[in-house]
Amino acid sequence: MALRVLYIEDERDMLELVRLILSRRDVEYFAATGGIQGLEKLGQVAPDLVLLDLMMPDLSGWDVYDTMKRTPALHDIPVLIVTARAQYEERLIQVRASANHDDYILKPFGPSQLLEIIDRMIAKMS
């Protein structure tokens, strides 16, 4: 059964890049262009894993993340935060250290780095 992945990101080039990277795996890929659309798609898609950009103009990734963690139906979906902002490092470390299966990756990243982290997260889900 294919892994269902939703990537919430406002940059279309990043959405396409990640789609290409994930096409190497048995993944059903969904994209949302921004935080508001991302929250809408979460209910429609029921993903196994969410990739989440932090810097979006309509609704920040942190707002999406916090909403997911406060919503019982979304709380347990693992989130991989994808960001270029190292300034969030303290909070990102807290995300990684939390009891759930969340993690983060800093842009720019290589395809193998992204796939390695996703594989590690999938292994934790099993």
PDB file of N, CA and C in Angstrom:
ATOM      1  N   MET A   1       0.844  -1.192   0.000  1.00  0.00           N
ATOM      2  CA  MET A   1       0.000   0.000   0.000  1.00  0.00           C
ATOM      3  C   MET A   1       0.882   1.245   0.000  1.00  0.00           C
ATOM      4  N   ALA A   2       0.581   2.156  -0.868  1.00  0.00           N
ATOM      5  CA  ALA A   2       1.390   3.370  -1.016  1.00  0.00           C
ATOM      6  C   ALA A   2       1.238   4.286   0.193  1.00  0.00           C
ATOM      7  N   LEU A   3       2.342   4.889   0.565  1.00  0.00           N
ATOM      8  CA  LEU A   3       2.356   5.894   1.619  1.00  0.00           C
ATOM      9  C   LEU A   3       1.707   7.159   1.071  1.00  0.00           C
ATOM     10  N   ARG A   4       0.782   7.733   1.823  1.00  0.00           N
ATOM     11  CA  ARG A   4       0.093   8.964   1.407  1.00  0.00           C
ATOM     12  C   ARG A   4       0.809  10.150   2.049  1.00  0.00           C
ATOM     13  N   VAL A   5       1.399  11.011   1.202  1.00  0.00           N
ATOM     14  CA  VAL A   5       2.184  12.147   1.676  1.00  0.00           C
ATOM     15  C   VAL A   5       1.548  13.442   1.181  1.00  0.00           C
ATOM     16  N   LEU A   6       1.336  14.365   2.105  1.00  0.00           N
ATOM     17  CA  LEU A   6       0.852  15.708   1.779  1.00  0.00           C
ATOM     18  C   LEU A   6       1.971  16.689   2.076  1.00  0.00           C
ATOM     19  N   TYR A   7       2.337  17.485   1.060  1.00  0.00           N
ATOM     20  CA  TYR A   7       3.351  18.532   1.244  1.00  0.00           C
ATOM     21  C   TYR A   7       2.646  19.875   1.202  1.00  0.00           C
ATOM     22  N   ILE A   8       2.752  20.634   2.282  1.00  0.00           N
ATOM     23  CA  ILE A   8       2.149  21.966   2.396  1.00  0.00           C
ATOM     24  C   ILE A   8       3.269  22.979   2.248  1.00  0.00           C
ATOM     25  N   GLU A   9       3.245  23.719   1.146  1.00  0.00           N
ATOM     26  CA  GLU A   9       4.369  24.589   0.761  1.00  0.00           C
ATOM     27  C   GLU A   9       3.840  25.638  -0.209  1.00  0.00           C
ATOM     28  N   ASP A  10       4.261  26.887  -0.047  1.00  0.00           N
ATOM     29  CA  ASP A  10       3.780  27.938  -0.941  1.00  0.00           C
ATOM     30  C   ASP A  10       4.620  28.094  -2.212  1.00  0.00           C
ATOM     31  N   GLU A  11       5.800  27.504  -2.263  1.00  0.00           N
ATOM     32  CA  GLU A  11       6.653  27.611  -3.447  1.00  0.00           C
ATOM     33  C   GLU A  11       6.423  26.412  -4.364  1.00  0.00           C
ATOM     34  N   ARG A  12       5.864  26.692  -5.543  1.00  0.00           N
ATOM     35  CA  ARG A  12       5.520  25.626  -6.482  1.00  0.00           C
ATOM     36  C   ARG A  12       6.742  24.830  -6.933  1.00  0.00           C
ATOM     37  N   ASP A  13       7.909  25.478  -7.049  1.00  0.00           N
ATOM     38  CA  ASP A  13       9.124  24.762  -7.440  1.00  0.00           C
ATOM     39  C   ASP A  13       9.499  23.699  -6.416  1.00  0.00           C
ATOM     40  N   MET A  14       9.328  24.021  -5.139  1.00  0.00           N
ATOM     41  CA  MET A  14       9.620  23.046  -4.079  1.00  0.00           C
ATOM     42  C   MET A  14       8.614  21.891  -4.111  1.00  0.00           C
ATOM     43  N   LEU A  15       7.351  22.216  -4.363  1.00  0.00           N
ATOM     44  CA  LEU A  15       6.334  21.166  -4.463  1.00  0.00           C
ATOM     45  C   LEU A  15       6.692  20.183  -5.579  1.00  0.00           C
ATOM     46  N   GLU A  16       7.130  20.718  -6.703  1.00  0.00           N
ATOM     47  CA  GLU A  16       7.493  19.869  -7.842  1.00  0.00           C
ATOM     48  C   GLU A  16       8.771  19.078  -7.560  1.00  0.00           C
ATOM     49  N   LEU A  17       9.758  19.724  -6.947  1.00  0.00           N
ATOM     50  CA  LEU A  17      11.005  19.031  -6.617  1.00  0.00           C
ATOM     51  C   LEU A  17      10.735  17.830  -5.709  1.00  0.00           C
ATOM     52  N   VAL A  18       9.960  18.033  -4.670  1.00  0.00           N
ATOM     53  CA  VAL A  18       9.662  16.947  -3.738  1.00  0.00           C
ATOM     54  C   VAL A  18       8.821  15.875  -4.421  1.00  0.00           C
ATOM     55  N   ARG A  19       7.914  16.274  -5.310  1.00  0.00           N
ATOM     56  CA  ARG A  19       7.141  15.283  -6.066  1.00  0.00           C
ATOM     57  C   ARG A  19       8.079  14.377  -6.858  1.00  0.00           C
ATOM     58  N   LEU A  20       9.071  14.985  -7.508  1.00  0.00           N
ATOM     59  CA  LEU A  20      10.033  14.203  -8.287  1.00  0.00           C
ATOM     60  C   LEU A  20      10.855  13.273  -7.394  1.00  0.00           C
ATOM     61  N   ILE A  21      11.299  13.774  -6.259  1.00  0.00           N
ATOM     62  CA  ILE A  21      12.078  12.947  -5.334  1.00  0.00           C
ATOM     63  C   ILE A  21      11.245  11.765  -4.840  1.00  0.00           C
ATOM     64  N   LEU A  22      10.005  12.034  -4.466  1.00  0.00           N
ATOM     65  CA  LEU A  22       9.157  10.979  -3.906  1.00  0.00           C
ATOM     66  C   LEU A  22       8.662  10.003  -4.968  1.00  0.00           C
ATOM     67  N   SER A  23       8.759  10.379  -6.238  1.00  0.00           N
ATOM     68  CA  SER A  23       8.325   9.478  -7.306  1.00  0.00           C
ATOM     69  C   SER A  23       9.215   8.231  -7.369  1.00  0.00           C
ATOM     70  N   ARG A  24      10.349   8.260  -6.681  1.00  0.00           N
ATOM     71  CA  ARG A  24      11.245   7.103  -6.599  1.00  0.00           C
ATOM     72  C   ARG A  24      10.701   6.030  -5.656  1.00  0.00           C
ATOM     73  N   ARG A  25       9.706   6.381  -4.907  1.00  0.00           N
ATOM     74  CA  ARG A  25       9.150   5.480  -3.896  1.00  0.00           C
ATOM     75  C   ARG A  25       7.679   5.205  -4.191  1.00  0.00           C
ATOM     76  N   ASP A  26       7.132   4.241  -3.468  1.00  0.00           N
ATOM     77  CA  ASP A  26       5.709   3.924  -3.584  1.00  0.00           C
ATOM     78  C   ASP A  26       4.937   4.918  -2.719  1.00  0.00           C
ATOM     79  N   VAL A  27       4.710   6.099  -3.306  1.00  0.00           N
ATOM     80  CA  VAL A  27       4.104   7.208  -2.569  1.00  0.00           C
ATOM     81  C   VAL A  27       2.953   7.788  -3.379  1.00  0.00           C
ATOM     82  N   GLU A  28       1.858   8.038  -2.699  1.00  0.00           N
ATOM     83  CA  GLU A  28       0.759   8.795  -3.282  1.00  0.00           C
ATOM     84  C   GLU A  28       0.948  10.227  -2.786  1.00  0.00           C
ATOM     85  N   TYR A  29       1.266  11.133  -3.709  1.00  0.00           N
ATOM     86  CA  TYR A  29       1.699  12.483  -3.361  1.00  0.00           C
ATOM     87  C   TYR A  29       0.567  13.481  -3.565  1.00  0.00           C
ATOM     88  N   PHE A  30       0.387  14.341  -2.569  1.00  0.00           N
ATOM     89  CA  PHE A  30      -0.596  15.415  -2.623  1.00  0.00           C
ATOM     90  C   PHE A  30       0.108  16.715  -2.255  1.00  0.00           C
ATOM     91  N   ALA A  31      -0.316  17.808  -2.860  1.00  0.00           N
ATOM     92  CA  ALA A  31       0.305  19.106  -2.591  1.00  0.00           C
ATOM     93  C   ALA A  31      -0.754  20.133  -2.235  1.00  0.00           C
ATOM     94  N   ALA A  32      -0.366  21.024  -1.342  1.00  0.00           N
ATOM     95  CA  ALA A  32      -1.210  22.162  -0.969  1.00  0.00           C
ATOM     96  C   ALA A  32      -0.349  23.409  -1.032  1.00  0.00           C
ATOM     97  N   THR A  33      -0.858  24.447  -1.693  1.00  0.00           N
ATOM     98  CA  THR A  33      -0.082  25.674  -1.862  1.00  0.00           C
ATOM     99  C   THR A  33      -0.436  26.684  -0.779  1.00  0.00           C
ATOM    100  N   GLY A  34       0.006  26.395   0.425  1.00  0.00           N
ATOM    101  CA  GLY A  34      -0.201  27.316   1.534  1.00  0.00           C
ATOM    102  C   GLY A  34      -0.866  26.638   2.719  1.00  0.00           C
ATOM    103  N   GLY A  35      -0.806  27.318   3.843  1.00  0.00           N
ATOM    104  CA  GLY A  35      -1.308  26.758   5.085  1.00  0.00           C
ATOM    105  C   GLY A  35      -2.811  26.548   5.129  1.00  0.00           C
ATOM    106  N   ILE A  36      -3.571  27.496   4.601  1.00  0.00           N
ATOM    107  CA  ILE A  36      -5.034  27.373   4.637  1.00  0.00           C
ATOM    108  C   ILE A  36      -5.479  26.196   3.782  1.00  0.00           C
ATOM    109  N   GLN A  37      -4.944  26.103   2.551  1.00  0.00           N
ATOM    110  CA  GLN A  37      -5.283  24.976   1.696  1.00  0.00           C
ATOM    111  C   GLN A  37      -4.776  23.673   2.311  1.00  0.00           C
ATOM    112  N   GLY A  38      -3.635  23.733   2.977  1.00  0.00           N
ATOM    113  CA  GLY A  38      -3.093  22.549   3.635  1.00  0.00           C
ATOM    114  C   GLY A  38      -4.029  21.996   4.692  1.00  0.00           C
ATOM    115  N   LEU A  39      -4.587  22.866   5.529  1.00  0.00           N
ATOM    116  CA  LEU A  39      -5.525  22.405   6.548  1.00  0.00           C
ATOM    117  C   LEU A  39      -6.776  21.806   5.905  1.00  0.00           C
ATOM    118  N   GLU A  40      -7.239  22.400   4.807  1.00  0.00           N
ATOM    119  CA  GLU A  40      -8.396  21.854   4.099  1.00  0.00           C
ATOM    120  C   GLU A  40      -8.080  20.463   3.546  1.00  0.00           C
ATOM    121  N   LYS A  41      -6.909  20.319   2.928  1.00  0.00           N
ATOM    122  CA  LYS A  41      -6.538  19.038   2.313  1.00  0.00           C
ATOM    123  C   LYS A  41      -6.277  17.947   3.343  1.00  0.00           C
ATOM    124  N   LEU A  42      -5.859  18.321   4.530  1.00  0.00           N
ATOM    125  CA  LEU A  42      -5.621  17.318   5.574  1.00  0.00           C
ATOM    126  C   LEU A  42      -6.862  16.465   5.800  1.00  0.00           C
ATOM    127  N   GLY A  43      -8.020  17.113   5.831  1.00  0.00           N
ATOM    128  CA  GLY A  43      -9.267  16.387   6.037  1.00  0.00           C
ATOM    129  C   GLY A  43      -9.692  15.579   4.824  1.00  0.00           C
ATOM    130  N   GLN A  44      -9.342  16.039   3.649  1.00  0.00           N
ATOM    131  CA  GLN A  44      -9.744  15.362   2.412  1.00  0.00           C
ATOM    132  C   GLN A  44      -8.853  14.172   2.082  1.00  0.00           C
ATOM    133  N   VAL A  45      -7.566  14.297   2.335  1.00  0.00           N
ATOM    134  CA  VAL A  45      -6.571  13.334   1.872  1.00  0.00           C
ATOM    135  C   VAL A  45      -6.291  12.228   2.888  1.00  0.00           C
ATOM    136  N   ALA A  46      -6.387  12.529   4.168  1.00  0.00           N
ATOM    137  CA  ALA A  46      -6.006  11.598   5.243  1.00  0.00           C
ATOM    138  C   ALA A  46      -4.591  11.049   5.008  1.00  0.00           C
ATOM    139  N   PRO A  47      -3.582  11.934   5.033  1.00  0.00           N
ATOM    140  CA  PRO A  47      -2.217  11.486   4.746  1.00  0.00           C
ATOM    141  C   PRO A  47      -1.619  10.664   5.883  1.00  0.00           C
ATOM    142  N   ASP A  48      -0.614   9.854   5.512  1.00  0.00           N
ATOM    143  CA  ASP A  48       0.161   9.104   6.501  1.00  0.00           C
ATOM    144  C   ASP A  48       1.301   9.952   7.044  1.00  0.00           C
ATOM    145  N   LEU A  49       1.707  10.948   6.251  1.00  0.00           N
ATOM    146  CA  LEU A  49       2.844  11.805   6.589  1.00  0.00           C
ATOM    147  C   LEU A  49       2.611  13.179   5.973  1.00  0.00           C
ATOM    148  N   VAL A  50       2.947  14.231   6.724  1.00  0.00           N
ATOM    149  CA  VAL A  50       2.842  15.602   6.221  1.00  0.00           C
ATOM    150  C   VAL A  50       4.228  16.219   6.184  1.00  0.00           C
ATOM    151  N   LEU A  51       4.578  16.799   5.038  1.00  0.00           N
ATOM    152  CA  LEU A  51       5.763  17.649   4.921  1.00  0.00           C
ATOM    153  C   LEU A  51       5.244  19.068   4.993  1.00  0.00           C
ATOM    154  N   LEU A  52       5.866  19.902   5.816  1.00  0.00           N
ATOM    155  CA  LEU A  52       5.295  21.205   6.132  1.00  0.00           C
ATOM    156  C   LEU A  52       6.338  22.306   6.112  1.00  0.00           C
ATOM    157  N   ASP A  53       6.152  23.259   5.207  1.00  0.00           N
ATOM    158  CA  ASP A  53       6.987  24.454   5.168  1.00  0.00           C
ATOM    159  C   ASP A  53       6.551  25.375   6.309  1.00  0.00           C
ATOM    160  N   LEU A  54       7.476  26.151   6.851  1.00  0.00           N
ATOM    161  CA  LEU A  54       7.125  27.065   7.942  1.00  0.00           C
ATOM    162  C   LEU A  54       6.768  28.465   7.462  1.00  0.00           C
ATOM    163  N   MET A  55       7.478  28.964   6.457  1.00  0.00           N
ATOM    164  CA  MET A  55       7.293  30.342   6.000  1.00  0.00           C
ATOM    165  C   MET A  55       6.305  30.389   4.839  1.00  0.00           C
ATOM    166  N   MET A  56       5.037  30.665   5.145  1.00  0.00           N
ATOM    167  CA  MET A  56       4.004  30.793   4.124  1.00  0.00           C
ATOM    168  C   MET A  56       3.235  32.069   4.377  1.00  0.00           C
ATOM    169  N   PRO A  57       2.812  32.758   3.326  1.00  0.00           N
ATOM    170  CA  PRO A  57       2.189  34.074   3.508  1.00  0.00           C
ATOM    171  C   PRO A  57       0.787  34.047   4.112  1.00  0.00           C
ATOM    172  N   ASP A  58       0.017  32.987   3.862  1.00  0.00           N
ATOM    173  CA  ASP A  58      -1.377  33.018   4.318  1.00  0.00           C
ATOM    174  C   ASP A  58      -1.552  32.509   5.747  1.00  0.00           C
ATOM    175  N   LEU A  59      -0.853  31.447   6.095  1.00  0.00           N
ATOM    176  CA  LEU A  59      -0.935  30.857   7.431  1.00  0.00           C
ATOM    177  C   LEU A  59       0.392  30.164   7.666  1.00  0.00           C
ATOM    178  N   SER A  60       1.072  30.517   8.721  1.00  0.00           N
ATOM    179  CA  SER A  60       2.416  29.970   8.926  1.00  0.00           C
ATOM    180  C   SER A  60       2.368  28.462   9.183  1.00  0.00           C
ATOM    181  N   GLY A  61       3.481  27.818   8.884  1.00  0.00           N
ATOM    182  CA  GLY A  61       3.592  26.401   9.155  1.00  0.00           C
ATOM    183  C   GLY A  61       3.439  26.082  10.631  1.00  0.00           C
ATOM    184  N   TRP A  62       3.925  26.976  11.484  1.00  0.00           N
ATOM    185  CA  TRP A  62       3.760  26.742  12.927  1.00  0.00           C
ATOM    186  C   TRP A  62       2.278  26.732  13.296  1.00  0.00           C
ATOM    187  N   ASP A  63       1.483  27.621  12.672  1.00  0.00           N
ATOM    188  CA  ASP A  63       0.040  27.629  12.947  1.00  0.00           C
ATOM    189  C   ASP A  63      -0.610  26.333  12.483  1.00  0.00           C
ATOM    190  N   VAL A  64      -0.197  25.849  11.307  1.00  0.00           N
ATOM    191  CA  VAL A  64      -0.713  24.575  10.803  1.00  0.00           C
ATOM    192  C   VAL A  64      -0.306  23.447  11.753  1.00  0.00           C
ATOM    193  N   TYR A  65       0.957  23.428  12.146  1.00  0.00           N
ATOM    194  CA  TYR A  65       1.479  22.388  13.049  1.00  0.00           C
ATOM    195  C   TYR A  65       0.707  22.392  14.372  1.00  0.00           C
ATOM    196  N   ASP A  66       0.561  23.574  14.957  1.00  0.00           N
ATOM    197  CA  ASP A  66      -0.140  23.672  16.247  1.00  0.00           C
ATOM    198  C   ASP A  66      -1.596  23.224  16.114  1.00  0.00           C
ATOM    199  N   THR A  67      -2.249  23.592  15.011  1.00  0.00           N
ATOM    200  CA  THR A  67      -3.632  23.160  14.773  1.00  0.00           C
ATOM    201  C   THR A  67      -3.699  21.645  14.666  1.00  0.00           C
ATOM    202  N   MET A  68      -2.756  21.061  13.929  1.00  0.00           N
ATOM    203  CA  MET A  68      -2.739  19.598  13.810  1.00  0.00           C
ATOM    204  C   MET A  68      -2.589  18.928  15.166  1.00  0.00           C
ATOM    205  N   LYS A  69      -1.696  19.435  15.992  1.00  0.00           N
ATOM    206  CA  LYS A  69      -1.416  18.793  17.276  1.00  0.00           C
ATOM    207  C   LYS A  69      -2.544  18.997  18.279  1.00  0.00           C
ATOM    208  N   ARG A  70      -3.400  20.005  18.059  1.00  0.00           N
ATOM    209  CA  ARG A  70      -4.554  20.240  18.935  1.00  0.00           C
ATOM    210  C   ARG A  70      -5.816  19.517  18.452  1.00  0.00           C
ATOM    211  N   THR A  71      -5.781  18.970  17.236  1.00  0.00           N
ATOM    212  CA  THR A  71      -6.954  18.339  16.636  1.00  0.00           C
ATOM    213  C   THR A  71      -6.836  16.825  16.763  1.00  0.00           C
ATOM    214  N   PRO A  72      -7.719  16.199  17.517  1.00  0.00           N
ATOM    215  CA  PRO A  72      -7.595  14.757  17.754  1.00  0.00           C
ATOM    216  C   PRO A  72      -7.446  13.918  16.470  1.00  0.00           C
ATOM    217  N   ALA A  73      -8.181  14.231  15.422  1.00  0.00           N
ATOM    218  CA  ALA A  73      -8.119  13.442  14.185  1.00  0.00           C
ATOM    219  C   ALA A  73      -6.790  13.617  13.438  1.00  0.00           C
ATOM    220  N   LEU A  74      -6.051  14.694  13.744  1.00  0.00           N
ATOM    221  CA  LEU A  74      -4.801  14.991  13.038  1.00  0.00           C
ATOM    222  C   LEU A  74      -3.571  14.835  13.923  1.00  0.00           C
ATOM    223  N   HIS A  75      -3.779  14.739  15.204  1.00  0.00           N
ATOM    224  CA  HIS A  75      -2.706  14.777  16.196  1.00  0.00           C
ATOM    225  C   HIS A  75      -1.586  13.771  15.933  1.00  0.00           C
ATOM    226  N   ASP A  76      -1.948  12.568  15.523  1.00  0.00           N
ATOM    227  CA  ASP A  76      -0.962  11.499  15.399  1.00  0.00           C
ATOM    228  C   ASP A  76      -0.305  11.400  14.026  1.00  0.00           C
ATOM    229  N   ILE A  77      -0.659  12.266  13.098  1.00  0.00           N
ATOM    230  CA  ILE A  77      -0.021  12.242  11.784  1.00  0.00           C
ATOM    231  C   ILE A  77       1.395  12.800  11.932  1.00  0.00           C
ATOM    232  N   PRO A  78       2.415  12.020  11.563  1.00  0.00           N
ATOM    233  CA  PRO A  78       3.790  12.519  11.655  1.00  0.00           C
ATOM    234  C   PRO A  78       4.001  13.709  10.707  1.00  0.00           C
ATOM    235  N   VAL A  79       4.783  14.674  11.176  1.00  0.00           N
ATOM    236  CA  VAL A  79       5.062  15.890  10.411  1.00  0.00           C
ATOM    237  C   VAL A  79       6.569  16.037  10.236  1.00  0.00           C
ATOM    238  N   LEU A  80       6.982  16.239   8.995  1.00  0.00           N
ATOM    239  CA  LEU A  80       8.366  16.580   8.686  1.00  0.00           C
ATOM    240  C   LEU A  80       8.376  18.047   8.311  1.00  0.00           C
ATOM    241  N   ILE A  81       8.927  18.875   9.173  1.00  0.00           N
ATOM    242  CA  ILE A  81       9.010  20.309   8.909  1.00  0.00           C
ATOM    243  C   ILE A  81      10.166  20.550   7.939  1.00  0.00           C
ATOM    244  N   VAL A  82       9.864  21.303   6.875  1.00  0.00           N
ATOM    245  CA  VAL A  82      10.832  21.608   5.826  1.00  0.00           C
ATOM    246  C   VAL A  82      11.015  23.123   5.837  1.00  0.00           C
ATOM    247  N   THR A  83      12.210  23.576   6.222  1.00  0.00           N
ATOM    248  CA  THR A  83      12.396  25.017   6.369  1.00  0.00           C
ATOM    249  C   THR A  83      13.812  25.450   6.030  1.00  0.00           C
ATOM    250  N   ALA A  84      13.937  26.685   5.598  1.00  0.00           N
ATOM    251  CA  ALA A  84      15.250  27.286   5.358  1.00  0.00           C
ATOM    252  C   ALA A  84      15.699  28.088   6.573  1.00  0.00           C
ATOM    253  N   ARG A  85      14.842  28.209   7.538  1.00  0.00           N
ATOM    254  CA  ARG A  85      15.102  29.076   8.680  1.00  0.00           C
ATOM    255  C   ARG A  85      15.718  28.341   9.855  1.00  0.00           C
ATOM    256  N   ALA A  86      17.006  28.495  10.030  1.00  0.00           N
ATOM    257  CA  ALA A  86      17.670  27.888  11.186  1.00  0.00           C
ATOM    258  C   ALA A  86      17.339  28.652  12.466  1.00  0.00           C
ATOM    259  N   GLN A  87      16.751  29.852  12.326  1.00  0.00           N
ATOM    260  CA  GLN A  87      16.414  30.647  13.513  1.00  0.00           C
ATOM    261  C   GLN A  87      15.390  29.941  14.393  1.00  0.00           C
ATOM    262  N   TYR A  88      14.695  28.966  13.839  1.00  0.00           N
ATOM    263  CA  TYR A  88      13.713  28.215  14.615  1.00  0.00           C
ATOM    264  C   TYR A  88      14.339  27.011  15.298  1.00  0.00           C
ATOM    265  N   GLU A  89      15.660  26.947  15.323  1.00  0.00           N
ATOM    266  CA  GLU A  89      16.343  25.729  15.748  1.00  0.00           C
ATOM    267  C   GLU A  89      15.891  25.236  17.119  1.00  0.00           C
ATOM    268  N   GLU A  90      15.711  26.127  18.068  1.00  0.00           N
ATOM    269  CA  GLU A  90      15.307  25.691  19.406  1.00  0.00           C
ATOM    270  C   GLU A  90      13.955  24.983  19.364  1.00  0.00           C
ATOM    271  N   ARG A  91      13.003  25.567  18.652  1.00  0.00           N
ATOM    272  CA  ARG A  91      11.690  24.920  18.573  1.00  0.00           C
ATOM    273  C   ARG A  91      11.760  23.642  17.730  1.00  0.00           C
ATOM    274  N   LEU A  92      12.581  23.641  16.682  1.00  0.00           N
ATOM    275  CA  LEU A  92      12.726  22.446  15.859  1.00  0.00           C
ATOM    276  C   LEU A  92      13.306  21.287  16.667  1.00  0.00           C
ATOM    277  N   ILE A  93      14.254  21.586  17.533  1.00  0.00           N
ATOM    278  CA  ILE A  93      14.830  20.552  18.399  1.00  0.00           C
ATOM    279  C   ILE A  93      13.759  20.006  19.337  1.00  0.00           C
ATOM    280  N   GLN A  94      12.889  20.878  19.834  1.00  0.00           N
ATOM    281  CA  GLN A  94      11.786  20.422  20.684  1.00  0.00           C
ATOM    282  C   GLN A  94      10.847  19.508  19.904  1.00  0.00           C
ATOM    283  N   VAL A  95      10.590  19.848  18.633  1.00  0.00           N
ATOM    284  CA  VAL A  95       9.734  19.016  17.783  1.00  0.00           C
ATOM    285  C   VAL A  95      10.346  17.632  17.651  1.00  0.00           C
ATOM    286  N   ARG A  96      11.630  17.583  17.345  1.00  0.00           N
ATOM    287  CA  ARG A  96      12.311  16.296  17.151  1.00  0.00           C
ATOM    288  C   ARG A  96      12.326  15.486  18.451  1.00  0.00           C
ATOM    289  N   ALA A  97      12.452  16.143  19.587  1.00  0.00           N
ATOM    290  CA  ALA A  97      12.574  15.448  20.871  1.00  0.00           C
ATOM    291  C   ALA A  97      11.226  15.079  21.484  1.00  0.00           C
ATOM    292  N   SER A  98      10.142  15.569  20.886  1.00  0.00           N
ATOM    293  CA  SER A  98       8.827  15.301  21.460  1.00  0.00           C
ATOM    294  C   SER A  98       8.491  13.815  21.364  1.00  0.00           C
ATOM    295  N   ALA A  99       7.466  13.416  22.070  1.00  0.00           N
ATOM    296  CA  ALA A  99       7.086  12.004  22.133  1.00  0.00           C
ATOM    297  C   ALA A  99       6.502  11.497  20.816  1.00  0.00           C
ATOM    298  N   ASN A 100       6.048  12.410  19.954  1.00  0.00           N
ATOM    299  CA  ASN A 100       5.487  11.952  18.680  1.00  0.00           C
ATOM    300  C   ASN A 100       6.605  11.670  17.684  1.00  0.00           C
ATOM    301  N   HIS A 101       6.261  11.440  16.445  1.00  0.00           N
ATOM    302  CA  HIS A 101       7.226  10.996  15.444  1.00  0.00           C
ATOM    303  C   HIS A 101       7.620  12.114  14.486  1.00  0.00           C
ATOM    304  N   ASP A 102       7.605  13.337  14.916  1.00  0.00           N
ATOM    305  CA  ASP A 102       7.893  14.467  14.044  1.00  0.00           C
ATOM    306  C   ASP A 102       9.398  14.703  13.919  1.00  0.00           C
ATOM    307  N   ASP A 103       9.772  15.401  12.841  1.00  0.00           N
ATOM    308  CA  ASP A 103      11.187  15.686  12.593  1.00  0.00           C
ATOM    309  C   ASP A 103      11.263  16.943  11.732  1.00  0.00           C
ATOM    310  N   TYR A 104      12.480  17.328  11.356  1.00  0.00           N
ATOM    311  CA  TYR A 104      12.641  18.479  10.476  1.00  0.00           C
ATOM    312  C   TYR A 104      13.837  18.273   9.565  1.00  0.00           C
ATOM    313  N   ILE A 105      13.843  19.046   8.465  1.00  0.00           N
ATOM    314  CA  ILE A 105      14.951  19.072   7.523  1.00  0.00           C
ATOM    315  C   ILE A 105      15.127  20.516   7.078  1.00  0.00           C
ATOM    316  N   LEU A 106      16.373  20.948   6.948  1.00  0.00           N
ATOM    317  CA  LEU A 106      16.652  22.321   6.536  1.00  0.00           C
ATOM    318  C   LEU A 106      16.897  22.388   5.035  1.00  0.00           C
ATOM    319  N   LYS A 107      16.310  23.407   4.399  1.00  0.00           N
ATOM    320  CA  LYS A 107      16.573  23.680   2.983  1.00  0.00           C
ATOM    321  C   LYS A 107      17.905  24.395   2.881  1.00  0.00           C
ATOM    322  N   PRO A 108      18.688  24.176   1.862  1.00  0.00           N
ATOM    323  CA  PRO A 108      18.486  23.200   0.798  1.00  0.00           C
ATOM    324  C   PRO A 108      18.900  21.816   1.273  1.00  0.00           C
ATOM    325  N   PHE A 109      18.260  20.808   0.730  1.00  0.00           N
ATOM    326  CA  PHE A 109      18.571  19.429   1.086  1.00  0.00           C
ATOM    327  C   PHE A 109      18.702  18.620  -0.199  1.00  0.00           C
ATOM    328  N   GLY A 110      19.393  17.515  -0.092  1.00  0.00           N
ATOM    329  CA  GLY A 110      19.541  16.618  -1.229  1.00  0.00           C
ATOM    330  C   GLY A 110      18.457  15.559  -1.214  1.00  0.00           C
ATOM    331  N   PRO A 111      18.183  14.957  -2.370  1.00  0.00           N
ATOM    332  CA  PRO A 111      17.164  13.911  -2.444  1.00  0.00           C
ATOM    333  C   PRO A 111      17.415  12.768  -1.465  1.00  0.00           C
ATOM    334  N   SER A 112      18.654  12.313  -1.360  1.00  0.00           N
ATOM    335  CA  SER A 112      18.933  11.183  -0.467  1.00  0.00           C
ATOM    336  C   SER A 112      18.704  11.562   0.994  1.00  0.00           C
ATOM    337  N   GLN A 113      19.004  12.802   1.354  1.00  0.00           N
ATOM    338  CA  GLN A 113      18.777  13.257   2.727  1.00  0.00           C
ATOM    339  C   GLN A 113      17.278  13.248   3.053  1.00  0.00           C
ATOM    340  N   LEU A 114      16.464  13.758   2.127  1.00  0.00           N
ATOM    341  CA  LEU A 114      15.010  13.773   2.349  1.00  0.00           C
ATOM    342  C   LEU A 114      14.481  12.343   2.468  1.00  0.00           C
ATOM    343  N   LEU A 115      14.874  11.470   1.564  1.00  0.00           N
ATOM    344  CA  LEU A 115      14.386  10.097   1.585  1.00  0.00           C
ATOM    345  C   LEU A 115      14.832   9.355   2.842  1.00  0.00           C
ATOM    346  N   GLU A 116      16.045   9.635   3.305  1.00  0.00           N
ATOM    347  CA  GLU A 116      16.546   9.000   4.527  1.00  0.00           C
ATOM    348  C   GLU A 116      15.704   9.385   5.740  1.00  0.00           C
ATOM    349  N   ILE A 117      15.377  10.653   5.857  1.00  0.00           N
ATOM    350  CA  ILE A 117      14.562  11.108   6.989  1.00  0.00           C
ATOM    351  C   ILE A 117      13.157  10.524   6.896  1.00  0.00           C
ATOM    352  N   ILE A 118      12.583  10.521   5.691  1.00  0.00           N
ATOM    353  CA  ILE A 118      11.243   9.946   5.520  1.00  0.00           C
ATOM    354  C   ILE A 118      11.266   8.460   5.870  1.00  0.00           C
ATOM    355  N   ASP A 119      12.284   7.735   5.419  1.00  0.00           N
ATOM    356  CA  ASP A 119      12.399   6.316   5.754  1.00  0.00           C
ATOM    357  C   ASP A 119      12.474   6.113   7.262  1.00  0.00           C
ATOM    358  N   ARG A 120      13.244   6.964   7.942  1.00  0.00           N
ATOM    359  CA  ARG A 120      13.372   6.867   9.396  1.00  0.00           C
ATOM    360  C   ARG A 120      12.017   7.121  10.073  1.00  0.00           C
ATOM    361  N   MET A 121      11.283   8.102   9.554  1.00  0.00           N
ATOM    362  CA  MET A 121       9.970   8.405  10.135  1.00  0.00           C
ATOM    363  C   MET A 121       8.998   7.264   9.886  1.00  0.00           C
ATOM    364  N   ILE A 122       9.030   6.676   8.698  1.00  0.00           N
ATOM    365  CA  ILE A 122       8.155   5.552   8.382  1.00  0.00           C
ATOM    366  C   ILE A 122       8.462   4.375   9.296  1.00  0.00           C
ATOM    367  N   ALA A 123       9.738   4.123   9.545  1.00  0.00           N
ATOM    368  CA  ALA A 123      10.131   3.025  10.429  1.00  0.00           C
ATOM    369  C   ALA A 123       9.572   3.233  11.842  1.00  0.00           C
ATOM    370  N   LYS A 124       9.541   4.470  12.309  1.00  0.00           N
ATOM    371  CA  LYS A 124       8.989   4.770  13.637  1.00  0.00           C
ATOM    372  C   LYS A 124       7.482   4.538  13.679  1.00  0.00           C
ATOM    373  N   MET A 125       6.820   4.705  12.519  1.00  0.00           N
ATOM    374  CA  MET A 125       5.366   4.542  12.445  1.00  0.00           C
ATOM    375  C   MET A 125       4.964   3.069  12.555  1.00  0.00           C
ATOM    376  N   SER A 126       5.857   2.179  12.189  1.00  0.00           N
ATOM    377  CA  SER A 126       5.524   0.755  12.154  1.00  0.00           C
ATOM    378  C   SER A 126       5.451   0.141  13.542  1.00  0.00           C
TER     379      SER A 126
END
